[in-house]
N, C-alpha and C. Protein backbone atom coordinates (compact mmCIF):
# COMPACT_ATOMS: atom_id res chain seq x y z
N MET A 1 -41.99 -36.49 4.71
CA MET A 1 -41.05 -35.40 4.57
C MET A 1 -41.16 -34.75 3.20
N LEU A 2 -41.31 -35.59 2.17
CA LEU A 2 -41.43 -35.08 0.80
C LEU A 2 -42.72 -34.29 0.63
N ASP A 3 -43.79 -34.79 1.29
CA ASP A 3 -45.08 -34.09 1.21
C ASP A 3 -44.99 -32.71 1.86
N MET A 4 -44.26 -32.62 2.96
CA MET A 4 -44.11 -31.34 3.65
C MET A 4 -43.31 -30.36 2.79
N ARG A 5 -42.29 -30.85 2.11
CA ARG A 5 -41.52 -29.99 1.20
C ARG A 5 -42.39 -29.49 0.05
N ASN A 6 -43.23 -30.38 -0.45
CA ASN A 6 -44.13 -30.01 -1.54
C ASN A 6 -45.11 -28.93 -1.09
N GLN A 7 -45.66 -29.09 0.12
CA GLN A 7 -46.59 -28.10 0.65
C GLN A 7 -45.89 -26.77 0.89
N LEU A 8 -44.66 -26.82 1.39
CA LEU A 8 -43.89 -25.61 1.63
C LEU A 8 -43.57 -24.90 0.32
N SER A 9 -43.24 -25.68 -0.69
CA SER A 9 -42.95 -25.11 -2.01
C SER A 9 -44.20 -24.46 -2.61
N GLN A 10 -45.34 -25.11 -2.45
CA GLN A 10 -46.60 -24.56 -2.96
C GLN A 10 -46.99 -23.29 -2.20
N LEU A 11 -46.75 -23.27 -0.90
CA LEU A 11 -47.04 -22.08 -0.10
C LEU A 11 -46.15 -20.92 -0.53
N LYS A 12 -44.89 -21.20 -0.79
CA LYS A 12 -43.96 -20.17 -1.25
C LYS A 12 -44.40 -19.63 -2.62
N SER A 13 -44.77 -20.54 -3.51
CA SER A 13 -45.24 -20.14 -4.83
C SER A 13 -46.51 -19.30 -4.73
N SER A 14 -47.43 -19.74 -3.87
CA SER A 14 -48.68 -19.00 -3.68
C SER A 14 -48.41 -17.60 -3.11
N SER A 15 -47.44 -17.50 -2.22
CA SER A 15 -47.10 -16.19 -1.64
C SER A 15 -46.61 -15.24 -2.71
N TYR A 16 -45.71 -15.74 -3.58
CA TYR A 16 -45.23 -14.90 -4.67
C TYR A 16 -46.37 -14.47 -5.59
N GLN A 17 -47.29 -15.40 -5.85
CA GLN A 17 -48.41 -15.10 -6.73
C GLN A 17 -49.35 -14.07 -6.10
N ILE A 18 -49.56 -14.16 -4.81
CA ILE A 18 -50.40 -13.17 -4.12
C ILE A 18 -49.73 -11.80 -4.17
N ILE A 19 -48.41 -11.78 -4.06
CA ILE A 19 -47.67 -10.52 -4.18
C ILE A 19 -47.87 -9.92 -5.57
N ILE A 20 -47.85 -10.76 -6.61
CA ILE A 20 -48.08 -10.27 -7.98
C ILE A 20 -49.49 -9.69 -8.09
N ILE A 21 -50.48 -10.38 -7.54
CA ILE A 21 -51.86 -9.89 -7.59
C ILE A 21 -51.97 -8.56 -6.84
N LEU A 22 -51.32 -8.46 -5.69
CA LEU A 22 -51.34 -7.21 -4.92
C LEU A 22 -50.63 -6.08 -5.66
N MET A 23 -49.58 -6.41 -6.40
CA MET A 23 -48.88 -5.39 -7.19
C MET A 23 -49.79 -4.86 -8.31
N VAL A 24 -50.53 -5.75 -8.94
CA VAL A 24 -51.48 -5.33 -9.99
C VAL A 24 -52.55 -4.44 -9.36
N TRP A 25 -53.06 -4.84 -8.20
CA TRP A 25 -54.06 -4.02 -7.52
C TRP A 25 -53.46 -2.67 -7.13
N GLY A 26 -52.22 -2.66 -6.66
CA GLY A 26 -51.56 -1.41 -6.30
C GLY A 26 -51.42 -0.48 -7.50
N CYS A 27 -51.06 -1.04 -8.65
CA CYS A 27 -50.98 -0.23 -9.88
C CYS A 27 -52.36 0.33 -10.23
N ALA A 28 -53.39 -0.50 -10.09
CA ALA A 28 -54.74 -0.04 -10.38
C ALA A 28 -55.16 1.06 -9.41
N TYR A 29 -54.79 0.92 -8.15
CA TYR A 29 -55.09 1.94 -7.15
C TYR A 29 -54.40 3.25 -7.51
N GLY A 30 -53.14 3.15 -7.90
CA GLY A 30 -52.40 4.34 -8.31
C GLY A 30 -53.02 5.01 -9.52
N LEU A 31 -53.41 4.21 -10.51
CA LEU A 31 -54.07 4.76 -11.71
C LEU A 31 -55.39 5.43 -11.35
N GLN A 32 -56.13 4.80 -10.47
CA GLN A 32 -57.44 5.34 -10.09
C GLN A 32 -57.28 6.68 -9.38
N LYS A 33 -56.31 6.78 -8.50
CA LYS A 33 -56.07 8.04 -7.79
C LYS A 33 -55.46 9.10 -8.71
N LEU A 34 -54.53 8.69 -9.57
CA LEU A 34 -53.85 9.62 -10.46
C LEU A 34 -54.81 10.24 -11.48
N LEU A 35 -55.68 9.39 -12.03
CA LEU A 35 -56.60 9.86 -13.07
C LEU A 35 -57.97 10.24 -12.52
N SER A 36 -58.16 10.12 -11.22
CA SER A 36 -59.45 10.42 -10.56
C SER A 36 -60.60 9.69 -11.24
N LEU A 37 -60.42 8.40 -11.46
CA LEU A 37 -61.44 7.60 -12.13
C LEU A 37 -62.57 7.26 -11.15
N PRO A 38 -63.82 7.24 -11.64
CA PRO A 38 -64.95 6.92 -10.76
C PRO A 38 -65.17 5.42 -10.61
N VAL A 39 -64.12 4.64 -10.80
CA VAL A 39 -64.20 3.18 -10.72
C VAL A 39 -63.38 2.73 -9.52
N ALA A 40 -63.87 1.75 -8.79
CA ALA A 40 -63.13 1.22 -7.65
C ALA A 40 -61.83 0.59 -8.12
N SER A 41 -60.80 0.72 -7.31
CA SER A 41 -59.50 0.19 -7.70
C SER A 41 -59.51 -1.33 -7.83
N GLY A 42 -60.37 -2.01 -7.08
CA GLY A 42 -60.49 -3.46 -7.21
C GLY A 42 -61.02 -3.87 -8.57
N VAL A 43 -62.02 -3.14 -9.05
CA VAL A 43 -62.59 -3.43 -10.38
C VAL A 43 -61.56 -3.09 -11.45
N LEU A 44 -60.91 -1.97 -11.32
CA LEU A 44 -59.87 -1.57 -12.27
C LEU A 44 -58.72 -2.59 -12.26
N GLY A 45 -58.36 -3.08 -11.07
CA GLY A 45 -57.32 -4.10 -10.96
C GLY A 45 -57.72 -5.39 -11.64
N PHE A 46 -58.99 -5.76 -11.52
CA PHE A 46 -59.48 -6.96 -12.19
C PHE A 46 -59.31 -6.83 -13.70
N PHE A 47 -59.70 -5.68 -14.25
CA PHE A 47 -59.57 -5.50 -15.69
C PHE A 47 -58.11 -5.36 -16.11
N LEU A 48 -57.28 -4.79 -15.26
CA LEU A 48 -55.86 -4.70 -15.55
C LEU A 48 -55.24 -6.10 -15.57
N LEU A 49 -55.61 -6.94 -14.62
CA LEU A 49 -55.13 -8.32 -14.60
C LEU A 49 -55.61 -9.08 -15.82
N LEU A 50 -56.87 -8.89 -16.20
CA LEU A 50 -57.41 -9.52 -17.39
C LEU A 50 -56.64 -9.07 -18.64
N PHE A 51 -56.35 -7.78 -18.72
CA PHE A 51 -55.58 -7.24 -19.85
C PHE A 51 -54.19 -7.87 -19.91
N LEU A 52 -53.53 -7.95 -18.76
CA LEU A 52 -52.19 -8.54 -18.72
C LEU A 52 -52.21 -10.01 -19.13
N LEU A 53 -53.24 -10.73 -18.72
CA LEU A 53 -53.36 -12.13 -19.10
C LEU A 53 -53.67 -12.28 -20.59
N GLU A 54 -54.54 -11.45 -21.12
CA GLU A 54 -54.90 -11.52 -22.54
C GLU A 54 -53.73 -11.16 -23.45
N MET A 55 -52.92 -10.20 -23.02
CA MET A 55 -51.77 -9.77 -23.81
C MET A 55 -50.59 -10.73 -23.64
N LYS A 56 -50.76 -11.74 -22.80
CA LYS A 56 -49.73 -12.74 -22.52
C LYS A 56 -48.49 -12.13 -21.86
N TRP A 57 -48.65 -10.97 -21.23
CA TRP A 57 -47.55 -10.36 -20.47
C TRP A 57 -47.45 -11.02 -19.10
N LEU A 58 -48.53 -11.64 -18.70
CA LEU A 58 -48.59 -12.36 -17.44
C LEU A 58 -49.24 -13.70 -17.75
N LYS A 59 -48.61 -14.77 -17.31
CA LYS A 59 -49.17 -16.10 -17.58
C LYS A 59 -50.09 -16.50 -16.43
N LEU A 60 -51.10 -17.27 -16.77
CA LEU A 60 -52.07 -17.72 -15.76
C LEU A 60 -51.36 -18.52 -14.67
N ALA A 61 -50.34 -19.28 -15.04
CA ALA A 61 -49.60 -20.08 -14.06
C ALA A 61 -48.90 -19.19 -13.03
N GLN A 62 -48.68 -17.91 -13.36
CA GLN A 62 -48.00 -17.01 -12.43
C GLN A 62 -48.92 -16.48 -11.34
N VAL A 63 -50.23 -16.64 -11.49
CA VAL A 63 -51.18 -16.15 -10.48
C VAL A 63 -52.23 -17.19 -10.09
N ASP A 64 -52.17 -18.37 -10.66
CA ASP A 64 -53.22 -19.38 -10.48
C ASP A 64 -53.38 -19.82 -9.03
N TYR A 65 -52.31 -20.33 -8.42
CA TYR A 65 -52.42 -20.84 -7.05
C TYR A 65 -52.72 -19.73 -6.04
N GLY A 66 -52.12 -18.56 -6.26
CA GLY A 66 -52.38 -17.43 -5.35
C GLY A 66 -53.84 -17.00 -5.40
N ALA A 67 -54.40 -16.94 -6.61
CA ALA A 67 -55.80 -16.57 -6.74
C ALA A 67 -56.70 -17.63 -6.12
N ASP A 68 -56.36 -18.91 -6.31
CA ASP A 68 -57.15 -19.98 -5.69
C ASP A 68 -57.11 -19.89 -4.17
N LEU A 69 -55.93 -19.57 -3.63
CA LEU A 69 -55.81 -19.44 -2.19
C LEU A 69 -56.65 -18.28 -1.67
N LEU A 70 -56.61 -17.14 -2.36
CA LEU A 70 -57.41 -15.99 -1.95
C LEU A 70 -58.91 -16.29 -2.04
N LEU A 71 -59.32 -16.96 -3.11
CA LEU A 71 -60.73 -17.30 -3.25
C LEU A 71 -61.16 -18.33 -2.21
N GLY A 72 -60.27 -19.25 -1.89
CA GLY A 72 -60.59 -20.27 -0.89
C GLY A 72 -60.78 -19.69 0.50
N GLU A 73 -60.09 -18.61 0.80
CA GLU A 73 -60.18 -17.97 2.11
C GLU A 73 -61.02 -16.69 2.07
N LEU A 74 -61.90 -16.59 1.09
CA LEU A 74 -62.69 -15.38 0.88
C LEU A 74 -63.56 -15.03 2.08
N LEU A 75 -63.99 -16.03 2.82
CA LEU A 75 -64.86 -15.78 3.97
C LEU A 75 -64.18 -14.88 5.00
N LEU A 76 -62.86 -14.98 5.12
CA LEU A 76 -62.15 -14.13 6.08
C LEU A 76 -62.29 -12.65 5.75
N PHE A 77 -62.48 -12.33 4.45
CA PHE A 77 -62.60 -10.93 4.05
C PHE A 77 -63.97 -10.36 4.39
N PHE A 78 -64.92 -11.21 4.75
CA PHE A 78 -66.26 -10.75 5.08
C PHE A 78 -66.49 -10.59 6.57
N ILE A 79 -65.50 -10.84 7.39
CA ILE A 79 -65.66 -10.70 8.83
C ILE A 79 -65.93 -9.24 9.23
N PRO A 80 -65.21 -8.24 8.69
CA PRO A 80 -65.53 -6.85 9.07
C PRO A 80 -66.98 -6.44 8.76
N PRO A 81 -67.55 -6.80 7.59
CA PRO A 81 -68.96 -6.45 7.39
C PRO A 81 -69.90 -7.12 8.38
N VAL A 82 -69.58 -8.33 8.78
CA VAL A 82 -70.43 -9.02 9.76
C VAL A 82 -70.39 -8.28 11.10
N VAL A 83 -69.21 -7.81 11.48
CA VAL A 83 -69.09 -7.02 12.71
C VAL A 83 -69.91 -5.73 12.57
N GLY A 84 -69.90 -5.11 11.38
CA GLY A 84 -70.69 -3.91 11.14
C GLY A 84 -72.18 -4.19 11.26
N VAL A 85 -72.62 -5.34 10.79
CA VAL A 85 -74.04 -5.70 10.89
C VAL A 85 -74.43 -5.84 12.36
N ILE A 86 -73.57 -6.45 13.13
CA ILE A 86 -73.86 -6.61 14.55
C ILE A 86 -73.89 -5.24 15.25
N GLN A 87 -73.00 -4.35 14.83
CA GLN A 87 -72.90 -3.04 15.47
C GLN A 87 -74.13 -2.17 15.17
N TYR A 88 -74.72 -2.31 13.98
CA TYR A 88 -75.86 -1.48 13.59
C TYR A 88 -77.16 -2.29 13.54
N GLN A 89 -77.38 -3.10 14.56
CA GLN A 89 -78.56 -3.94 14.61
C GLN A 89 -79.86 -3.14 14.62
N ASN A 90 -79.89 -2.00 15.31
CA ASN A 90 -81.11 -1.19 15.37
C ASN A 90 -81.49 -0.67 13.99
N LEU A 91 -80.51 -0.25 13.23
CA LEU A 91 -80.78 0.23 11.87
C LEU A 91 -81.37 -0.89 11.02
N LEU A 92 -80.82 -2.09 11.15
CA LEU A 92 -81.33 -3.23 10.38
C LEU A 92 -82.73 -3.62 10.81
N MET A 93 -83.04 -3.46 12.08
CA MET A 93 -84.38 -3.79 12.54
C MET A 93 -85.41 -2.83 11.94
N ILE A 94 -85.03 -1.58 11.74
CA ILE A 94 -85.94 -0.57 11.20
C ILE A 94 -86.00 -0.64 9.67
N SER A 95 -84.83 -0.68 9.03
CA SER A 95 -84.76 -0.59 7.57
C SER A 95 -84.31 -1.88 6.90
N GLY A 96 -84.28 -2.96 7.61
CA GLY A 96 -83.77 -4.23 7.07
C GLY A 96 -84.53 -4.72 5.85
N TRP A 97 -85.85 -4.56 5.87
CA TRP A 97 -86.64 -5.05 4.74
C TRP A 97 -86.33 -4.25 3.48
N LYS A 98 -86.03 -2.97 3.61
CA LYS A 98 -85.68 -2.16 2.44
C LYS A 98 -84.34 -2.62 1.86
N ILE A 99 -83.40 -2.87 2.75
CA ILE A 99 -82.09 -3.33 2.30
C ILE A 99 -82.21 -4.69 1.62
N LEU A 100 -82.99 -5.58 2.21
CA LEU A 100 -83.20 -6.90 1.63
C LEU A 100 -83.88 -6.81 0.27
N LEU A 101 -84.84 -5.92 0.14
CA LEU A 101 -85.53 -5.72 -1.13
C LEU A 101 -84.56 -5.23 -2.21
N VAL A 102 -83.71 -4.29 -1.86
CA VAL A 102 -82.72 -3.78 -2.81
C VAL A 102 -81.75 -4.89 -3.22
N ILE A 103 -81.32 -5.70 -2.27
CA ILE A 103 -80.41 -6.80 -2.57
C ILE A 103 -81.07 -7.80 -3.51
N LEU A 104 -82.32 -8.17 -3.24
CA LEU A 104 -83.02 -9.14 -4.08
C LEU A 104 -83.24 -8.60 -5.50
N ILE A 105 -83.68 -7.35 -5.61
CA ILE A 105 -83.92 -6.76 -6.93
C ILE A 105 -82.61 -6.63 -7.71
N SER A 106 -81.56 -6.15 -7.06
CA SER A 106 -80.28 -5.99 -7.77
C SER A 106 -79.70 -7.34 -8.17
N THR A 107 -79.86 -8.35 -7.33
CA THR A 107 -79.39 -9.69 -7.70
C THR A 107 -80.14 -10.22 -8.90
N ALA A 108 -81.45 -10.04 -8.92
CA ALA A 108 -82.26 -10.48 -10.06
C ALA A 108 -81.86 -9.74 -11.33
N LEU A 109 -81.61 -8.44 -11.24
CA LEU A 109 -81.19 -7.67 -12.41
C LEU A 109 -79.83 -8.12 -12.94
N VAL A 110 -78.91 -8.40 -12.04
CA VAL A 110 -77.59 -8.88 -12.48
C VAL A 110 -77.72 -10.24 -13.14
N MET A 111 -78.55 -11.10 -12.58
CA MET A 111 -78.73 -12.42 -13.18
C MET A 111 -79.37 -12.31 -14.56
N MET A 112 -80.37 -11.46 -14.71
CA MET A 112 -81.01 -11.29 -16.01
C MET A 112 -80.05 -10.69 -17.02
N ALA A 113 -79.26 -9.72 -16.61
CA ALA A 113 -78.28 -9.11 -17.51
C ALA A 113 -77.23 -10.14 -17.93
N SER A 114 -76.82 -11.00 -17.02
CA SER A 114 -75.84 -12.03 -17.34
C SER A 114 -76.42 -13.03 -18.35
N VAL A 115 -77.65 -13.45 -18.12
CA VAL A 115 -78.29 -14.39 -19.05
C VAL A 115 -78.42 -13.76 -20.43
N TYR A 116 -78.86 -12.52 -20.48
CA TYR A 116 -79.02 -11.83 -21.75
C TYR A 116 -77.68 -11.69 -22.47
N THR A 117 -76.63 -11.36 -21.74
CA THR A 117 -75.31 -11.19 -22.34
C THR A 117 -74.80 -12.51 -22.90
N VAL A 118 -74.96 -13.60 -22.14
CA VAL A 118 -74.50 -14.91 -22.61
C VAL A 118 -75.28 -15.32 -23.84
N LYS A 119 -76.59 -15.13 -23.84
CA LYS A 119 -77.40 -15.47 -25.02
C LYS A 119 -76.96 -14.67 -26.23
N LEU A 120 -76.70 -13.39 -26.04
CA LEU A 120 -76.26 -12.52 -27.12
C LEU A 120 -74.92 -12.98 -27.67
N LEU A 121 -73.99 -13.31 -26.79
CA LEU A 121 -72.68 -13.77 -27.23
C LEU A 121 -72.75 -15.12 -27.93
N LEU A 122 -73.59 -16.01 -27.43
CA LEU A 122 -73.74 -17.31 -28.08
C LEU A 122 -74.38 -17.17 -29.46
N LYS A 123 -75.36 -16.28 -29.58
CA LYS A 123 -75.99 -16.03 -30.87
C LYS A 123 -74.96 -15.46 -31.85
N HIS A 124 -74.14 -14.53 -31.36
CA HIS A 124 -73.10 -13.92 -32.20
C HIS A 124 -72.08 -14.97 -32.63
N GLU A 125 -71.73 -15.87 -31.73
CA GLU A 125 -70.78 -16.93 -32.05
C GLU A 125 -71.36 -17.89 -33.08
N ASP A 126 -72.65 -18.23 -32.94
CA ASP A 126 -73.31 -19.11 -33.91
C ASP A 126 -73.34 -18.48 -35.30
N LEU A 127 -73.61 -17.18 -35.37
CA LEU A 127 -73.62 -16.50 -36.66
C LEU A 127 -72.24 -16.50 -37.29
N ASN A 128 -71.22 -16.32 -36.49
CA ASN A 128 -69.86 -16.36 -37.02
C ASN A 128 -69.48 -17.73 -37.53
N GLN A 129 -69.91 -18.79 -36.83
CA GLN A 129 -69.60 -20.15 -37.27
C GLN A 129 -70.36 -20.49 -38.54
N GLU A 130 -71.60 -20.03 -38.69
CA GLU A 130 -72.37 -20.29 -39.90
C GLU A 130 -71.72 -19.61 -41.10
N GLY A 131 -71.18 -18.42 -40.88
CA GLY A 131 -70.52 -17.68 -41.96
C GLY A 131 -69.26 -18.36 -42.42
N GLN A 132 -68.61 -19.12 -41.57
CA GLN A 132 -67.37 -19.82 -41.94
C GLN A 132 -67.65 -21.00 -42.85
N TYR A 133 -68.80 -21.65 -42.68
CA TYR A 133 -69.10 -22.85 -43.44
C TYR A 133 -69.78 -22.56 -44.78
N GLU A 134 -70.27 -21.37 -44.96
CA GLU A 134 -70.97 -21.05 -46.21
C GLU A 134 -70.02 -20.56 -47.26
């Protein structure tokens, strides 16, 4: 009985946290439409959430479980694209190799850019630490 209450409490908490995340996304959507920004509202919402967390206006504990729940069920969000793939099978049979090539090249570019960025940041951090000890 106690375990069920705990699960119910966690579900309630996660629901509130998902509502907070959706409110941040809604604000980002409104900003994107109001300012006619060429950035997707999801990306803008991500940076808005990051800003709120960095400024300590929103605590990580206020969105932690909700975000984990959304990430855990992420596969459900990919069902519509899978249906689209099934619907346009002829197009994929003709141009599938081109799409696959673009996906592979773009994935490799993102990975290389990520590695380069991390190396650059680590080098910058090492230089800052050396300056502190001298």
